[in-house]
C-alpha atoms as a PDB file:
ATOM      1  CA  MET A   1      36.097   1.905  -9.653  1.00  0.00           C
ATOM      2  CA  THR A   2      33.636   0.314 -12.075  1.00  0.00           C
ATOM      3  CA  THR A   3      30.976   2.665 -13.418  1.00  0.00           C
ATOM      4  CA  LYS A   4      27.701   1.903 -15.175  1.00  0.00           C
ATOM      5  CA  ASP A   5      29.212   3.306 -18.387  1.00  0.00           C
ATOM      6  CA  ASP A   6      32.012   0.739 -18.118  1.00  0.00           C
ATOM      7  CA  VAL A   7      29.460  -2.061 -17.823  1.00  0.00           C
ATOM      8  CA  VAL A   8      27.344  -0.760 -20.709  1.00  0.00           C
ATOM      9  CA  LYS A   9      30.327  -0.372 -23.044  1.00  0.00           C
ATOM     10  CA  PHE A  10      31.620  -3.864 -22.265  1.00  0.00           C
ATOM     11  CA  LEU A  11      28.227  -5.459 -22.805  1.00  0.00           C
ATOM     12  CA  GLN A  12      27.712  -3.633 -26.085  1.00  0.00           C
ATOM     13  CA  LYS A  13      31.211  -4.574 -27.260  1.00  0.00           C
ATOM     14  CA  ASN A  14      30.330  -8.231 -26.638  1.00  0.00           C
ATOM     15  CA  GLY A  15      27.061  -8.129 -28.556  1.00  0.00           C
ATOM     16  CA  VAL A  16      24.560  -7.598 -25.729  1.00  0.00           C
ATOM     17  CA  GLU A  17      21.690  -5.270 -26.592  1.00  0.00           C
ATOM     18  CA  THR A  18      21.708  -3.022 -23.523  1.00  0.00           C
ATOM     19  CA  ARG A  19      18.312  -1.497 -24.349  1.00  0.00           C
ATOM     20  CA  PHE A  20      16.834  -4.724 -22.982  1.00  0.00           C
ATOM     21  CA  VAL A  21      18.738  -5.065 -19.705  1.00  0.00           C
ATOM     22  CA  SER A  22      18.514  -3.042 -16.490  1.00  0.00           C
ATOM     23  CA  ILE A  23      21.708  -2.203 -14.619  1.00  0.00           C
ATOM     24  CA  MET A  24      20.969  -1.579 -10.952  1.00  0.00           C
ATOM     25  CA  ASP A  25      22.998  -1.875  -7.740  1.00  0.00           C
ATOM     26  CA  GLY A  26      25.616  -4.314  -9.015  1.00  0.00           C
ATOM     27  CA  LYS A  27      23.120  -6.464 -10.918  1.00  0.00           C
ATOM     28  CA  VAL A  28      22.179  -6.811 -14.576  1.00  0.00           C
ATOM     29  CA  TYR A  29      18.515  -7.771 -14.952  1.00  0.00           C
ATOM     30  CA  ILE A  30      17.493  -9.204 -18.305  1.00  0.00           C
ATOM     31  CA  ASN A  31      14.247  -7.588 -19.488  1.00  0.00           C
ATOM     32  CA  ASN A  32      13.830  -9.615 -22.655  1.00  0.00           C
ATOM     33  CA  LEU A  33      15.986 -12.710 -23.116  1.00  0.00           C
ATOM     34  CA  ARG A  34      15.658 -12.921 -26.894  1.00  0.00           C
ATOM     35  CA  LEU A  35      16.083  -9.229 -27.711  1.00  0.00           C
ATOM     36  CA  SER A  36      18.920  -8.699 -25.225  1.00  0.00           C
ATOM     37  CA  LYS A  37      21.003 -11.442 -26.926  1.00  0.00           C
ATOM     38  CA  PHE A  38      22.535 -12.105 -23.502  1.00  0.00           C
ATOM     39  CA  SER A  39      23.582 -15.742 -23.863  1.00  0.00           C
ATOM     40  CA  ARG A  40      25.094 -17.881 -21.122  1.00  0.00           C
ATOM     41  CA  ARG A  41      28.469 -17.630 -22.854  1.00  0.00           C
ATOM     42  CA  LYS A  42      28.260 -13.832 -22.895  1.00  0.00           C
ATOM     43  CA  GLU A  43      27.316 -13.955 -19.233  1.00  0.00           C
ATOM     44  CA  GLU A  44      30.463 -15.978 -18.464  1.00  0.00           C
ATOM     45  CA  ILE A  45      32.623 -13.451 -20.329  1.00  0.00           C
ATOM     46  CA  PHE A  46      30.926 -10.575 -18.528  1.00  0.00           C
ATOM     47  CA  LEU A  47      31.400 -12.098 -15.061  1.00  0.00           C
ATOM     48  CA  GLU A  48      35.064 -12.777 -15.769  1.00  0.00           C
ATOM     49  CA  LYS A  49      35.462  -9.041 -16.368  1.00  0.00           C
ATOM     50  CA  PHE A  50      33.089  -7.902 -13.607  1.00  0.00           C
ATOM     51  CA  PRO A  51      33.129 -10.612 -10.885  1.00  0.00           C
ATOM     52  CA  ASP A  52      31.350  -8.350  -8.380  1.00  0.00           C
ATOM     53  CA  TYR A  53      28.261  -8.159 -10.596  1.00  0.00           C
ATOM     54  CA  GLU A  54      25.360 -10.594 -10.903  1.00  0.00           C
ATOM     55  CA  VAL A  55      23.281 -11.413 -13.963  1.00  0.00           C
ATOM     56  CA  ARG A  56      19.635 -12.036 -13.124  1.00  0.00           C
ATOM     57  CA  ARG A  57      17.291 -13.928 -15.478  1.00  0.00           C
ATOM     58  CA  SER A  58      14.044 -13.543 -13.551  1.00  0.00           C
ATOM     59  CA  GLN A  59      11.062 -14.653 -15.640  1.00  0.00           C
ATOM     60  CA  VAL A  60       8.656 -12.607 -13.537  1.00  0.00           C
ATOM     61  CA  PHE A  61      10.735  -9.466 -14.127  1.00  0.00           C
ATOM     62  CA  GLN A  62      10.658 -10.137 -17.870  1.00  0.00           C
ATOM     63  CA  LYS A  63       6.849 -10.351 -17.658  1.00  0.00           C
ATOM     64  CA  ILE A  64       6.743  -7.047 -15.760  1.00  0.00           C
ATOM     65  CA  CYS A  65       8.917  -5.386 -18.389  1.00  0.00           C
ATOM     66  CA  THR A  66       6.799  -6.735 -21.246  1.00  0.00           C
ATOM     67  CA  ARG A  67       3.618  -5.258 -19.789  1.00  0.00           C
ATOM     68  CA  ALA A  68       5.329  -1.985 -18.904  1.00  0.00           C
ATOM     69  CA  SER A  69       6.718  -1.642 -22.442  1.00  0.00           C
ATOM     70  CA  ARG A  70       3.182  -1.567 -23.876  1.00  0.00           C
ATOM     71  CA  VAL A  71       2.545   1.588 -21.871  1.00  0.00           C
ATOM     72  CA  LEU A  72       5.952   3.185 -22.295  1.00  0.00           C
ATOM     73  CA  LYS A  73       6.132   2.890 -26.081  1.00  0.00           C
ATOM     74  CA  THR A  74       3.430   5.565 -26.344  1.00  0.00           C
ATOM     75  CA  ALA A  75       3.902   7.381 -23.008  1.00  0.00           C
ATOM     76  CA  LEU A  76       7.543   8.375 -23.500  1.00  0.00           C
ATOM     77  CA  ASN A  77       9.170  10.797 -25.899  1.00  0.00           C
ATOM     78  CA  PRO A  78      12.872  10.695 -26.800  1.00  0.00           C
ATOM     79  CA  HIS A  79      15.062  12.555 -24.294  1.00  0.00           C
ATOM     80  CA  ASP A  80      12.244  13.109 -21.785  1.00  0.00           C
ATOM     81  CA  LYS A  81      13.311  14.204 -18.314  1.00  0.00           C
ATOM     82  CA  ILE A  82      11.282  12.063 -15.921  1.00  0.00           C
ATOM     83  CA  LEU A  83      10.753  12.562 -12.197  1.00  0.00           C
ATOM     84  CA  LEU A  84      10.802   9.483  -9.955  1.00  0.00           C
ATOM     85  CA  SER A  85      10.452   9.088  -6.212  1.00  0.00           C
ATOM     86  CA  ASP A  86      13.413   7.878  -4.161  1.00  0.00           C
ATOM     87  CA  SER A  87      11.030   6.147  -1.756  1.00  0.00           C
ATOM     88  CA  PRO A  88      12.197   2.745  -0.387  1.00  0.00           C
ATOM     89  CA  ASN A  89       8.805   1.329  -1.366  1.00  0.00           C
ATOM     90  CA  CYS A  90       9.162  -1.900  -3.387  1.00  0.00           C
ATOM     91  CA  VAL A  91       6.952  -0.729  -6.237  1.00  0.00           C
ATOM     92  CA  ASN A  92       9.097   2.395  -6.609  1.00  0.00           C
ATOM     93  CA  LEU A  93      12.220   0.250  -6.751  1.00  0.00           C
ATOM     94  CA  ILE A  94      10.760  -1.992  -9.465  1.00  0.00           C
ATOM     95  CA  LEU A  95       9.601   1.104 -11.370  1.00  0.00           C
ATOM     96  CA  ARG A  96      13.128   2.549 -11.382  1.00  0.00           C
ATOM     97  CA  THR A  97      14.543  -0.801 -12.495  1.00  0.00           C
ATOM     98  CA  VAL A  98      12.029  -1.062 -15.344  1.00  0.00           C
ATOM     99  CA  LEU A  99      12.758   2.483 -16.541  1.00  0.00           C
ATOM    100  CA  GLU A 100      16.564   2.287 -16.311  1.00  0.00           C
ATOM    101  CA  PRO A 101      17.167   0.833 -19.829  1.00  0.00           C
ATOM    102  CA  TYR A 102      15.027   3.583 -21.374  1.00  0.00           C
ATOM    103  CA  THR A 103      17.943   5.914 -20.672  1.00  0.00           C
ATOM    104  CA  ARG A 104      19.594   4.032 -23.545  1.00  0.00           C
ATOM    105  CA  LYS A 105      16.521   2.991 -25.511  1.00  0.00           C
ATOM    106  CA  TYR A 106      14.944   6.465 -25.714  1.00  0.00           C
ATOM    107  CA  GLY A 107      17.709   8.595 -24.251  1.00  0.00           C
ATOM    108  CA  VAL A 108      15.473   9.674 -21.357  1.00  0.00           C
ATOM    109  CA  GLU A 109      16.906  11.103 -18.152  1.00  0.00           C
ATOM    110  CA  LEU A 110      15.649   9.780 -14.827  1.00  0.00           C
ATOM    111  CA  ILE A 111      15.593  12.436 -12.118  1.00  0.00           C
ATOM    112  CA  ILE A 112      15.183  10.801  -8.719  1.00  0.00           C
ATOM    113  CA  ILE A 113      14.061  13.018  -5.841  1.00  0.00           C
ATOM    114  CA  PRO A 114      13.021  12.201  -2.239  1.00  0.00           C
ATOM    115  CA  GLU A 115       9.367  13.183  -2.668  1.00  0.00           C
ATOM    116  CA  LEU A 116       7.360  13.872  -5.798  1.00  0.00           C
ATOM    117  CA  ASP A 117       6.248  17.472  -6.144  1.00  0.00           C
ATOM    118  CA  PHE A 118       3.762  17.906  -8.980  1.00  0.00           C
ATOM    119  CA  SER A 119       4.312  21.656  -8.994  1.00  0.00           C
ATOM    120  CA  GLN A 120       8.015  21.136  -9.623  1.00  0.00           C
ATOM    121  CA  MET A 121       8.425  21.929 -13.323  1.00  0.00           C
ATOM    122  CA  GLU A 122      12.159  22.433 -12.899  1.00  0.00           C
ATOM    123  CA  VAL A 123      14.834  20.708 -10.818  1.00  0.00           C
ATOM    124  CA  GLN A 124      18.508  21.304 -10.244  1.00  0.00           C
ATOM    125  CA  ASN A 125      21.058  18.956 -11.779  1.00  0.00           C
ATOM    126  CA  THR A 126      24.329  17.934 -10.115  1.00  0.00           C
ATOM    127  CA  ASP A 127      25.967  21.159 -11.340  1.00  0.00           C
ATOM    128  CA  GLY A 128      23.285  23.269  -9.683  1.00  0.00           C
ATOM    129  CA  GLU A 129      21.737  24.276 -12.996  1.00  0.00           C
ATOM    130  CA  LYS A 130      17.974  24.276 -13.461  1.00  0.00           C
ATOM    131  CA  GLN A 131      16.491  21.880 -15.985  1.00  0.00           C
ATOM    132  CA  LYS A 132      12.943  21.440 -17.197  1.00  0.00           C
ATOM    133  CA  VAL A 133      11.008  18.310 -16.242  1.00  0.00           C
ATOM    134  CA  ASP A 134       8.764  16.673 -18.854  1.00  0.00           C
ATOM    135  CA  ALA A 135       6.930  13.912 -16.988  1.00  0.00           C
ATOM    136  CA  VAL A 136       6.365  12.149 -13.672  1.00  0.00           C
ATOM    137  CA  ALA A 137       6.417   8.335 -13.468  1.00  0.00           C
ATOM    138  CA  LEU A 138       3.944   7.105 -10.864  1.00  0.00           C
ATOM    139  CA  PRO A 139       4.183   3.710  -9.118  1.00  0.00           C
ATOM    140  CA  PHE A 140       0.549   2.635  -9.531  1.00  0.00           C
ATOM    141  CA  THR A 141      -0.054  -1.073 -10.128  1.00  0.00           C
ATOM    142  CA  MET A 142      -3.058  -2.872 -11.565  1.00  0.00           C
ATOM    143  CA  ASP A 143      -4.194  -3.777  -8.039  1.00  0.00           C
ATOM    144  CA  GLU A 144      -4.240  -0.141  -6.954  1.00  0.00           C
ATOM    145  CA  GLU A 145      -6.293   0.795 -10.011  1.00  0.00           C
ATOM    146  CA  VAL A 146      -8.800  -2.029  -9.483  1.00  0.00           C
ATOM    147  CA  GLU A 147      -9.082  -1.334  -5.737  1.00  0.00           C
ATOM    148  CA  HIS A 148      -9.715   2.311  -6.610  1.00  0.00           C
ATOM    149  CA  ILE A 149     -12.508   1.233  -8.982  1.00  0.00           C
ATOM    150  CA  LEU A 150     -14.053  -0.970  -6.287  1.00  0.00           C
ATOM    151  CA  GLY A 151     -13.829   1.868  -3.766  1.00  0.00           C
ATOM    152  CA  LEU A 152     -15.758   4.171  -6.108  1.00  0.00           C
ATOM    153  CA  MET A 153     -18.366   1.464  -6.651  1.00  0.00           C
ATOM    154  CA  ILE A 154     -18.792   0.890  -2.908  1.00  0.00           C
ATOM    155  CA  HIS A 155     -19.423   4.598  -2.332  1.00  0.00           C
ATOM    156  CA  GLY A 156     -21.574   5.039  -5.440  1.00  0.00           C
ATOM    157  CA  GLU A 157     -19.206   7.598  -6.944  1.00  0.00           C
ATOM    158  CA  GLU A 158     -18.572   8.393 -10.585  1.00  0.00           C
ATOM    159  CA  LEU A 159     -16.076   6.063 -12.229  1.00  0.00           C
ATOM    160  CA  LYS A 160     -12.720   7.719 -12.874  1.00  0.00           C
ATOM    161  CA  LEU A 161      -9.506   5.780 -13.281  1.00  0.00           C
ATOM    162  CA  LEU A 162      -6.368   6.806 -11.420  1.00  0.00           C
ATOM    163  CA  SER A 163      -4.455   6.441 -14.676  1.00  0.00           C
ATOM    164  CA  SER A 164      -6.861   8.767 -16.524  1.00  0.00           C
ATOM    165  CA  GLU A 165      -4.983  11.740 -15.059  1.00  0.00           C
ATOM    166  CA  ASN A 166      -2.671  12.391 -18.007  1.00  0.00           C
ATOM    167  CA  GLU A 167      -1.418  15.822 -17.042  1.00  0.00           C
ATOM    168  CA  LEU A 168      -1.081  17.879 -13.879  1.00  0.00           C
ATOM    169  CA  ASN A 169       0.293  21.411 -13.685  1.00  0.00           C
ATOM    170  CA  GLY A 170       1.808  20.995 -17.131  1.00  0.00           C
ATOM    171  CA  LEU A 171       3.569  17.728 -16.298  1.00  0.00           C
ATOM    172  CA  ARG A 172       2.710  14.499 -18.110  1.00  0.00           C
ATOM    173  CA  MET A 173       1.698  11.664 -15.801  1.00  0.00           C
ATOM    174  CA  ILE A 174       2.864   8.194 -16.873  1.00  0.00           C
ATOM    175  CA  TYR A 175       1.929   4.850 -15.314  1.00  0.00           C
ATOM    176  CA  PRO A 176       4.392   2.148 -16.455  1.00  0.00           C
ATOM    177  CA  LEU A 177       3.126  -0.504 -14.008  1.00  0.00           C
ATOM    178  CA  ILE A 178      -0.617   0.080 -14.407  1.00  0.00           C
ATOM    179  CA  ASN A 179      -1.048  -3.334 -16.107  1.00  0.00           C
ATOM    180  CA  VAL A 180       1.212  -5.173 -13.637  1.00  0.00           C
ATOM    181  CA  PRO A 181      -0.374  -7.161 -10.755  1.00  0.00           C
ATOM    182  CA  ILE A 182       1.156  -6.494  -7.348  1.00  0.00           C
ATOM    183  CA  SER A 183       1.711 -10.248  -6.977  1.00  0.00           C
ATOM    184  CA  TRP A 184       4.346 -10.058  -9.729  1.00  0.00           C
ATOM    185  CA  VAL A 185       6.152  -7.299  -7.840  1.00  0.00           C
ATOM    186  CA  GLU A 186       5.949  -9.347  -4.634  1.00  0.00           C
ATOM    187  CA  SER A 187       7.413 -12.389  -6.435  1.00  0.00           C
ATOM    188  CA  MET A 188      10.221 -10.282  -7.870  1.00  0.00           C
ATOM    189  CA  VAL A 189      11.073  -8.859  -4.440  1.00  0.00           C
ATOM    190  CA  GLU A 190      11.028 -12.295  -2.824  1.00  0.00           C
ATOM    191  CA  ILE A 191      13.073 -14.039  -5.532  1.00  0.00           C
ATOM    192  CA  GLU A 192      15.662 -11.274  -5.709  1.00  0.00           C
ATOM    193  CA  THR A 193      15.652 -10.607  -1.926  1.00  0.00           C
ATOM    194  CA  LEU A 194      15.409  -6.882  -2.613  1.00  0.00           C
ATOM    195  CA  ASN A 195      15.850  -4.439   0.231  1.00  0.00           C
ATOM    196  CA  CYS A 196      12.585  -2.503   0.182  1.00  0.00           C
ATOM    197  CA  ILE A 197       9.238  -2.202   1.939  1.00  0.00           C
ATOM    198  CA  PHE A 198       5.605  -2.579   0.869  1.00  0.00           C
ATOM    199  CA  LYS A 199       2.920  -0.115   1.827  1.00  0.00           C
ATOM    200  CA  ASN A 200       0.661  -1.543   4.512  1.00  0.00           C
ATOM    201  CA  GLU A 201      -2.735  -1.345   2.852  1.00  0.00           C
ATOM    202  CA  ASN A 202      -6.059  -2.892   3.771  1.00  0.00           C
ATOM    203  CA  GLY A 203      -9.735  -2.024   3.720  1.00  0.00           C
ATOM    204  CA  HIS A 204     -12.947  -2.975   1.963  1.00  0.00           C
ATOM    205  CA  PRO A 205     -11.695  -2.651  -1.662  1.00  0.00           C
ATOM    206  CA  ARG A 206      -8.720  -4.938  -0.956  1.00  0.00           C
ATOM    207  CA  GLU A 207     -10.959  -7.466   0.817  1.00  0.00           C
ATOM    208  CA  MET A 208     -13.514  -7.353  -2.007  1.00  0.00           C
ATOM    209  CA  LEU A 209     -10.840  -7.885  -4.645  1.00  0.00           C
ATOM    210  CA  GLU A 210      -9.489 -10.901  -2.793  1.00  0.00           C
ATOM    211  CA  PHE A 211     -13.041 -12.271  -2.539  1.00  0.00           C
ATOM    212  CA  LEU A 212     -13.751 -11.765  -6.254  1.00  0.00           C
ATOM    213  CA  GLU A 213     -10.423 -13.317  -7.171  1.00  0.00           C
ATOM    214  CA  SER A 214     -11.505 -16.613  -5.615  1.00  0.00           C
ATOM    215  CA  PHE A 215     -14.441 -16.826  -8.071  1.00  0.00           C
ATOM    216  CA  ILE A 216     -13.397 -14.933 -11.216  1.00  0.00           C
ATOM    217  CA  PRO A 217     -10.220 -15.844 -13.140  1.00  0.00           C
ATOM    218  CA  ASP A 218      -8.172 -12.792 -14.185  1.00  0.00           C
ATOM    219  CA  VAL A 219     -10.565 -10.517 -12.292  1.00  0.00           C
ATOM    220  CA  ARG A 220      -8.118  -7.583 -12.378  1.00  0.00           C
ATOM    221  CA  GLU A 221      -7.690  -7.657 -16.144  1.00  0.00           C
ATOM    222  CA  LYS A 222     -11.445  -8.004 -16.684  1.00  0.00           C
ATOM    223  CA  MET A 223     -12.272  -5.101 -14.381  1.00  0.00           C
ATOM    224  CA  MET A 224      -9.641  -2.931 -16.053  1.00  0.00           C
ATOM    225  CA  ARG A 225     -11.119  -3.621 -19.493  1.00  0.00           C
ATOM    226  CA  SER A 226     -14.645  -2.932 -18.252  1.00  0.00           C
ATOM    227  CA  ALA A 227     -13.579   0.293 -16.542  1.00  0.00           C
ATOM    228  CA  ASP A 228     -11.762   1.468 -19.681  1.00  0.00           C
ATOM    229  CA  TYR A 229     -14.929   0.888 -21.692  1.00  0.00           C
ATOM    230  CA  LEU A 230     -17.306   2.508 -19.192  1.00  0.00           C
ATOM    231  CA  SER A 231     -15.101   5.535 -18.610  1.00  0.00           C
ATOM    232  CA  GLY A 232     -14.627   6.080 -22.337  1.00  0.00           C
ATOM    233  CA  ASP A 233     -10.825   5.812 -22.135  1.00  0.00           C
ATOM    234  CA  GLU A 234      -8.961   4.614 -25.198  1.00  0.00           C
END
């Protein structure tokens, strides 16, 4: 039976930089075409060895990974143990796919559990031994952050970003997708026909964002920059 280690070793042996590909569910997603060095010829060699696998060159996924990397390069420490939700939600699935190569890039360990418990400083590994958790990766997108900002504005409440919560009960909170529009995730899911579900969300903030989007180019990015400035976040 083919294991992920088998795939990684073969790719590395053939000159592919596996820190820039995600290996998930029988697919190899290229995160950065140039840095991965995963040429079409190398793809042919790989598929001859592993015919049950697919190599995916999604441009939208590469954009997602580029934005996520700007957060992760400062949010992660080498060998961090990171909690992730096993939810079938599409954003969670993309989050796990984005983080997968960091197990090789930074040597982090991804600990996937059914439901996130922010009081859970320790978890059991497959051998039943307890291990300390360093951080929790949360599946917040740019849209969720901007809708949160709009919701606070509607109710006249003090501005506080979702992503400003850096620590909770001793656990670091990290937000890899906070600069990623939900439309990119939706495109990725549609193109790749991924088996997942989206949260059914609506309400005044979502409606207001859609209204503003029809008049203001890049409204999400502009609101994020303004909120960062007003809240005093770096």
